[in-house]
């Protein structure tokens, strides 16, 4: 939150108003938080999604760049820009105009601080001190990956669906409960996965 206070004048100088109420915390995004190729490293939730109508920003716990290296401040600024222009704008031209104005560069879906922004971020970092967070590794998580997957079966005659484990499909497809419809269909490729269905 201190970082948001420090960067607010930059937004204001470019004609943008940062919401008076905003929450920032370290937390997992709603999707792709542990993606190996392109993980989500920040996310801003619309104020409409919160019971108290306050935008909430999450900075991913996979990041471990100390603030004195000012590497998280451009991620935070990107998310603050979402709160400024409104989540409905996504990464469109309205959002793009805002982030470009404050000095973020690159693709609108994954911006980074430009030279001028990072020079300012270095000053903010000197005031903020070290980022109070230790990196979390998804590979060392105590949460076990789900190994059981239900396979969707569908009656081609009426569209009735049911989900069953691979173990039971190996004995034969389930029958549609409507008399005369017979065995339900399923994709045979759905059986080609590793896992324990016990």
C-alpha atoms as a PDB file:
ATOM      1  CA  UNK A   1       0.000   0.000   0.000  1.00  0.00           C
ATOM      2  CA  UNK A   2       2.918   2.333   0.685  1.00  0.00           C
ATOM      3  CA  UNK A   3       4.114   1.726  -2.862  1.00  0.00           C
ATOM      4  CA  UNK A   4       0.682   2.688  -4.231  1.00  0.00           C
ATOM      5  CA  UNK A   5       0.825   5.936  -2.239  1.00  0.00           C
ATOM      6  CA  UNK A   6       4.265   6.675  -3.689  1.00  0.00           C
ATOM      7  CA  UNK A   7       3.224   6.030  -7.297  1.00  0.00           C
ATOM      8  CA  UNK A   8      -0.115   7.869  -7.081  1.00  0.00           C
ATOM      9  CA  UNK A   9       1.427  11.276  -7.996  1.00  0.00           C
ATOM     10  CA  UNK A  10       2.813   9.732 -11.199  1.00  0.00           C
ATOM     11  CA  UNK A  11      -0.699   8.673 -12.231  1.00  0.00           C
ATOM     12  CA  UNK A  12      -2.129  12.050 -11.235  1.00  0.00           C
ATOM     13  CA  UNK A  13       0.540  13.952 -13.184  1.00  0.00           C
ATOM     14  CA  UNK A  14      -0.638  12.105 -16.292  1.00  0.00           C
ATOM     15  CA  UNK A  15      -4.315  12.876 -15.617  1.00  0.00           C
ATOM     16  CA  UNK A  16      -5.350   9.591 -13.949  1.00  0.00           C
ATOM     17  CA  UNK A  17      -6.996   9.181 -10.559  1.00  0.00           C
ATOM     18  CA  UNK A  18      -6.030   6.206  -8.414  1.00  0.00           C
ATOM     19  CA  UNK A  19      -9.053   4.934  -6.437  1.00  0.00           C
ATOM     20  CA  UNK A  20      -9.056   6.256  -2.876  1.00  0.00           C
ATOM     21  CA  UNK A  21      -9.633   2.765  -1.554  1.00  0.00           C
ATOM     22  CA  UNK A  22      -7.518  -0.054  -2.874  1.00  0.00           C
ATOM     23  CA  UNK A  23      -6.136  -3.226  -1.322  1.00  0.00           C
ATOM     24  CA  UNK A  24      -2.806  -4.818  -2.213  1.00  0.00           C
ATOM     25  CA  UNK A  25      -1.549  -8.161  -0.985  1.00  0.00           C
ATOM     26  CA  UNK A  26       0.638 -11.061  -1.949  1.00  0.00           C
ATOM     27  CA  UNK A  27      -1.542 -13.925  -3.163  1.00  0.00           C
ATOM     28  CA  UNK A  28      -2.246 -16.437  -5.898  1.00  0.00           C
ATOM     29  CA  UNK A  29      -4.085 -15.242  -9.019  1.00  0.00           C
ATOM     30  CA  UNK A  30      -7.328 -16.941  -9.999  1.00  0.00           C
ATOM     31  CA  UNK A  31      -5.666 -18.755 -12.932  1.00  0.00           C
ATOM     32  CA  UNK A  32      -2.225 -19.678 -14.330  1.00  0.00           C
ATOM     33  CA  UNK A  33      -0.455 -18.928 -11.051  1.00  0.00           C
ATOM     34  CA  UNK A  34       1.859 -21.920 -11.462  1.00  0.00           C
ATOM     35  CA  UNK A  35       2.018 -22.006 -15.253  1.00  0.00           C
ATOM     36  CA  UNK A  36       5.548 -22.877 -16.393  1.00  0.00           C
ATOM     37  CA  UNK A  37       5.385 -20.988 -19.684  1.00  0.00           C
ATOM     38  CA  UNK A  38       3.633 -17.727 -18.807  1.00  0.00           C
ATOM     39  CA  UNK A  39       2.506 -17.486 -15.176  1.00  0.00           C
ATOM     40  CA  UNK A  40       0.196 -14.728 -14.032  1.00  0.00           C
ATOM     41  CA  UNK A  41       2.323 -12.525 -11.747  1.00  0.00           C
ATOM     42  CA  UNK A  42      -0.255  -9.913 -10.805  1.00  0.00           C
ATOM     43  CA  UNK A  43      -4.016  -9.545 -10.842  1.00  0.00           C
ATOM     44  CA  UNK A  44      -6.498  -6.785 -10.093  1.00  0.00           C
ATOM     45  CA  UNK A  45     -10.025  -7.726  -9.084  1.00  0.00           C
ATOM     46  CA  UNK A  46     -12.903  -5.398  -9.949  1.00  0.00           C
ATOM     47  CA  UNK A  47     -14.508  -3.508  -7.109  1.00  0.00           C
ATOM     48  CA  UNK A  48     -17.823  -5.100  -8.139  1.00  0.00           C
ATOM     49  CA  UNK A  49     -16.381  -8.500  -7.190  1.00  0.00           C
ATOM     50  CA  UNK A  50     -15.764  -7.441  -3.576  1.00  0.00           C
ATOM     51  CA  UNK A  51     -18.482  -7.226  -0.938  1.00  0.00           C
ATOM     52  CA  UNK A  52     -17.002  -3.909   0.240  1.00  0.00           C
ATOM     53  CA  UNK A  53     -16.674  -2.590  -3.358  1.00  0.00           C
ATOM     54  CA  UNK A  54     -12.905  -2.074  -3.110  1.00  0.00           C
ATOM     55  CA  UNK A  55     -10.493  -3.138  -5.894  1.00  0.00           C
ATOM     56  CA  UNK A  56      -8.105  -5.814  -4.699  1.00  0.00           C
ATOM     57  CA  UNK A  57      -4.679  -6.386  -6.204  1.00  0.00           C
ATOM     58  CA  UNK A  58      -2.663  -9.568  -5.784  1.00  0.00           C
ATOM     59  CA  UNK A  59       1.051  -9.850  -6.484  1.00  0.00           C
ATOM     60  CA  UNK A  60       2.025 -13.469  -7.118  1.00  0.00           C
ATOM     61  CA  UNK A  61       4.058 -15.195  -4.390  1.00  0.00           C
ATOM     62  CA  UNK A  62       6.284 -16.801  -7.040  1.00  0.00           C
ATOM     63  CA  UNK A  63       8.034 -13.448  -7.390  1.00  0.00           C
ATOM     64  CA  UNK A  64      11.068 -12.943  -5.203  1.00  0.00           C
ATOM     65  CA  UNK A  65      12.564  -9.682  -6.367  1.00  0.00           C
ATOM     66  CA  UNK A  66      13.411  -7.452  -3.402  1.00  0.00           C
ATOM     67  CA  UNK A  67      11.939  -3.969  -3.633  1.00  0.00           C
ATOM     68  CA  UNK A  68      15.462  -2.549  -3.414  1.00  0.00           C
ATOM     69  CA  UNK A  69      15.880  -4.011  -6.914  1.00  0.00           C
ATOM     70  CA  UNK A  70      12.572  -2.295  -7.799  1.00  0.00           C
ATOM     71  CA  UNK A  71      11.433  -5.235  -9.916  1.00  0.00           C
ATOM     72  CA  UNK A  72       7.950  -5.615  -8.439  1.00  0.00           C
ATOM     73  CA  UNK A  73       6.927  -1.989  -8.703  1.00  0.00           C
ATOM     74  CA  UNK A  74       6.219  -2.174 -12.424  1.00  0.00           C
ATOM     75  CA  UNK A  75       4.005  -5.234 -11.821  1.00  0.00           C
ATOM     76  CA  UNK A  76       2.139  -3.295  -9.146  1.00  0.00           C
ATOM     77  CA  UNK A  77       1.815  -0.227 -11.401  1.00  0.00           C
ATOM     78  CA  UNK A  78       0.320  -2.432 -14.151  1.00  0.00           C
ATOM     79  CA  UNK A  79      -2.326  -3.712 -11.724  1.00  0.00           C
ATOM     80  CA  UNK A  80      -3.029  -0.245 -10.319  1.00  0.00           C
ATOM     81  CA  UNK A  81      -3.626   0.894 -13.912  1.00  0.00           C
ATOM     82  CA  UNK A  82      -6.358  -1.762 -14.183  1.00  0.00           C
ATOM     83  CA  UNK A  83      -8.048  -0.282 -11.100  1.00  0.00           C
ATOM     84  CA  UNK A  84      -7.637   3.230 -12.520  1.00  0.00           C
ATOM     85  CA  UNK A  85      -9.245   2.619 -15.931  1.00  0.00           C
ATOM     86  CA  UNK A  86     -11.610  -0.155 -14.856  1.00  0.00           C
ATOM     87  CA  UNK A  87     -11.310  -3.918 -15.203  1.00  0.00           C
ATOM     88  CA  UNK A  88     -13.796  -3.939 -18.085  1.00  0.00           C
ATOM     89  CA  UNK A  89     -11.147  -2.258 -20.273  1.00  0.00           C
ATOM     90  CA  UNK A  90      -8.930  -5.370 -19.944  1.00  0.00           C
ATOM     91  CA  UNK A  91      -5.750  -4.769 -22.000  1.00  0.00           C
ATOM     92  CA  UNK A  92      -7.337  -2.539 -24.636  1.00  0.00           C
ATOM     93  CA  UNK A  93      -6.330   0.924 -25.938  1.00  0.00           C
ATOM     94  CA  UNK A  94      -7.762   2.739 -22.900  1.00  0.00           C
ATOM     95  CA  UNK A  95      -5.593   0.628 -20.600  1.00  0.00           C
ATOM     96  CA  UNK A  96      -2.670   0.960 -23.003  1.00  0.00           C
ATOM     97  CA  UNK A  97      -2.863   4.746 -22.995  1.00  0.00           C
ATOM     98  CA  UNK A  98      -2.688   4.754 -19.189  1.00  0.00           C
ATOM     99  CA  UNK A  99       0.289   2.387 -18.822  1.00  0.00           C
ATOM    100  CA  UNK A 100       2.215   4.110 -21.604  1.00  0.00           C
ATOM    101  CA  UNK A 101       1.606   7.472 -19.919  1.00  0.00           C
ATOM    102  CA  UNK A 102       3.186   6.282 -16.659  1.00  0.00           C
ATOM    103  CA  UNK A 103       6.161   4.711 -18.438  1.00  0.00           C
ATOM    104  CA  UNK A 104       5.390   1.014 -18.807  1.00  0.00           C
ATOM    105  CA  UNK A 105       6.520  -0.671 -22.016  1.00  0.00           C
ATOM    106  CA  UNK A 106       6.089  -3.978 -23.844  1.00  0.00           C
ATOM    107  CA  UNK A 107       2.990  -6.011 -24.669  1.00  0.00           C
ATOM    108  CA  UNK A 108      -0.062  -4.731 -22.835  1.00  0.00           C
ATOM    109  CA  UNK A 109      -0.633  -8.170 -21.317  1.00  0.00           C
ATOM    110  CA  UNK A 110       2.872  -8.255 -19.813  1.00  0.00           C
ATOM    111  CA  UNK A 111       4.310  -4.776 -19.437  1.00  0.00           C
ATOM    112  CA  UNK A 112       7.605  -3.833 -17.823  1.00  0.00           C
ATOM    113  CA  UNK A 113       9.003  -0.564 -16.613  1.00  0.00           C
ATOM    114  CA  UNK A 114      10.690   1.668 -19.155  1.00  0.00           C
ATOM    115  CA  UNK A 115      13.829   3.673 -18.368  1.00  0.00           C
ATOM    116  CA  UNK A 116      12.037   6.667 -16.833  1.00  0.00           C
ATOM    117  CA  UNK A 117       9.623   4.526 -14.822  1.00  0.00           C
ATOM    118  CA  UNK A 118      12.434   2.399 -13.413  1.00  0.00           C
ATOM    119  CA  UNK A 119      14.437   5.482 -12.450  1.00  0.00           C
ATOM    120  CA  UNK A 120      11.430   6.624 -10.418  1.00  0.00           C
ATOM    121  CA  UNK A 121      10.903   3.104  -9.054  1.00  0.00           C
ATOM    122  CA  UNK A 122      14.471   3.097  -7.751  1.00  0.00           C
ATOM    123  CA  UNK A 123      13.657   6.185  -5.662  1.00  0.00           C
ATOM    124  CA  UNK A 124      10.467   4.584  -4.350  1.00  0.00           C
ATOM    125  CA  UNK A 125      12.372   1.416  -3.503  1.00  0.00           C
ATOM    126  CA  UNK A 126      14.881   3.365  -1.423  1.00  0.00           C
ATOM    127  CA  UNK A 127      11.975   4.636   0.707  1.00  0.00           C
ATOM    128  CA  UNK A 128      10.187   1.292   0.919  1.00  0.00           C
ATOM    129  CA  UNK A 129      13.025  -1.042   1.855  1.00  0.00           C
ATOM    130  CA  UNK A 130      13.016  -4.807   1.314  1.00  0.00           C
ATOM    131  CA  UNK A 131       9.917  -6.566  -0.001  1.00  0.00           C
ATOM    132  CA  UNK A 132       8.398  -8.402   3.000  1.00  0.00           C
ATOM    133  CA  UNK A 133       7.891 -11.741   1.286  1.00  0.00           C
ATOM    134  CA  UNK A 134       9.706 -14.968   0.556  1.00  0.00           C
ATOM    135  CA  UNK A 135       9.163 -16.724  -2.762  1.00  0.00           C
ATOM    136  CA  UNK A 136       6.812 -19.716  -2.764  1.00  0.00           C
ATOM    137  CA  UNK A 137       7.628 -22.688  -4.973  1.00  0.00           C
ATOM    138  CA  UNK A 138       4.686 -24.524  -6.499  1.00  0.00           C
ATOM    139  CA  UNK A 139       6.942 -27.537  -7.033  1.00  0.00           C
ATOM    140  CA  UNK A 140       7.393 -27.906  -3.271  1.00  0.00           C
ATOM    141  CA  UNK A 141       3.729 -27.425  -2.408  1.00  0.00           C
ATOM    142  CA  UNK A 142       2.223 -29.912   0.049  1.00  0.00           C
ATOM    143  CA  UNK A 143      -0.936 -29.972  -2.065  1.00  0.00           C
ATOM    144  CA  UNK A 144      -1.072 -33.148  -4.125  1.00  0.00           C
ATOM    145  CA  UNK A 145      -1.998 -32.993  -7.779  1.00  0.00           C
ATOM    146  CA  UNK A 146      -5.351 -34.561  -8.577  1.00  0.00           C
ATOM    147  CA  UNK A 147      -4.861 -37.964 -10.178  1.00  0.00           C
ATOM    148  CA  UNK A 148      -8.458 -39.119 -10.549  1.00  0.00           C
ATOM    149  CA  UNK A 149     -10.344 -37.700 -13.491  1.00  0.00           C
ATOM    150  CA  UNK A 150     -13.933 -38.347 -14.359  1.00  0.00           C
ATOM    151  CA  UNK A 151     -14.623 -39.079 -18.008  1.00  0.00           C
ATOM    152  CA  UNK A 152     -17.749 -37.588 -19.555  1.00  0.00           C
ATOM    153  CA  UNK A 153     -20.088 -40.111 -21.202  1.00  0.00           C
ATOM    154  CA  UNK A 154     -23.019 -39.009 -23.339  1.00  0.00           C
ATOM    155  CA  UNK A 155     -26.055 -40.689 -24.841  1.00  0.00           C
ATOM    156  CA  UNK A 156     -26.100 -39.876 -28.553  1.00  0.00           C
ATOM    157  CA  UNK A 157     -29.862 -40.382 -28.714  1.00  0.00           C
ATOM    158  CA  UNK A 158     -30.983 -37.946 -25.987  1.00  0.00           C
ATOM    159  CA  UNK A 159     -27.884 -36.081 -24.763  1.00  0.00           C
ATOM    160  CA  UNK A 160     -28.020 -37.480 -21.218  1.00  0.00           C
ATOM    161  CA  UNK A 161     -24.551 -37.254 -19.623  1.00  0.00           C
ATOM    162  CA  UNK A 162     -22.779 -38.982 -16.769  1.00  0.00           C
ATOM    163  CA  UNK A 163     -19.204 -38.948 -15.496  1.00  0.00           C
ATOM    164  CA  UNK A 164     -17.354 -42.071 -14.409  1.00  0.00           C
ATOM    165  CA  UNK A 165     -13.765 -43.031 -13.630  1.00  0.00           C
ATOM    166  CA  UNK A 166     -11.516 -44.807 -16.088  1.00  0.00           C
ATOM    167  CA  UNK A 167     -11.567 -47.915 -13.918  1.00  0.00           C
ATOM    168  CA  UNK A 168     -15.277 -48.444 -14.563  1.00  0.00           C
ATOM    169  CA  UNK A 169     -15.098 -47.501 -18.250  1.00  0.00           C
ATOM    170  CA  UNK A 170     -12.603 -50.314 -18.783  1.00  0.00           C
ATOM    171  CA  UNK A 171     -15.458 -52.671 -17.832  1.00  0.00           C
ATOM    172  CA  UNK A 172     -17.790 -51.044 -20.348  1.00  0.00           C
ATOM    173  CA  UNK A 173     -19.656 -47.826 -20.990  1.00  0.00           C
ATOM    174  CA  UNK A 174     -22.591 -46.957 -18.722  1.00  0.00           C
ATOM    175  CA  UNK A 175     -26.086 -47.420 -20.096  1.00  0.00           C
ATOM    176  CA  UNK A 176     -28.447 -44.529 -20.665  1.00  0.00           C
ATOM    177  CA  UNK A 177     -31.344 -44.786 -18.165  1.00  0.00           C
ATOM    178  CA  UNK A 178     -33.867 -44.280 -20.972  1.00  0.00           C
ATOM    179  CA  UNK A 179     -35.021 -47.672 -22.179  1.00  0.00           C
ATOM    180  CA  UNK A 180     -33.656 -48.658 -25.548  1.00  0.00           C
ATOM    181  CA  UNK A 181     -30.899 -46.035 -25.754  1.00  0.00           C
ATOM    182  CA  UNK A 182     -28.130 -48.436 -24.764  1.00  0.00           C
ATOM    183  CA  UNK A 183     -24.443 -47.726 -24.003  1.00  0.00           C
ATOM    184  CA  UNK A 184     -23.288 -44.135 -23.746  1.00  0.00           C
ATOM    185  CA  UNK A 185     -20.431 -42.804 -25.897  1.00  0.00           C
ATOM    186  CA  UNK A 186     -17.137 -41.325 -24.670  1.00  0.00           C
ATOM    187  CA  UNK A 187     -13.855 -40.307 -26.230  1.00  0.00           C
ATOM    188  CA  UNK A 188     -11.405 -43.226 -26.103  1.00  0.00           C
ATOM    189  CA  UNK A 189      -8.574 -40.704 -25.741  1.00  0.00           C
ATOM    190  CA  UNK A 190     -10.016 -39.882 -22.319  1.00  0.00           C
ATOM    191  CA  UNK A 191      -8.651 -43.198 -21.102  1.00  0.00           C
ATOM    192  CA  UNK A 192      -5.059 -42.282 -22.006  1.00  0.00           C
ATOM    193  CA  UNK A 193      -3.888 -40.553 -18.867  1.00  0.00           C
ATOM    194  CA  UNK A 194      -1.878 -41.550 -15.854  1.00  0.00           C
ATOM    195  CA  UNK A 195      -3.476 -41.703 -12.453  1.00  0.00           C
ATOM    196  CA  UNK A 196      -4.981 -43.872  -9.794  1.00  0.00           C
ATOM    197  CA  UNK A 197      -8.729 -44.250  -9.963  1.00  0.00           C
ATOM    198  CA  UNK A 198      -9.100 -46.275  -6.808  1.00  0.00           C
END
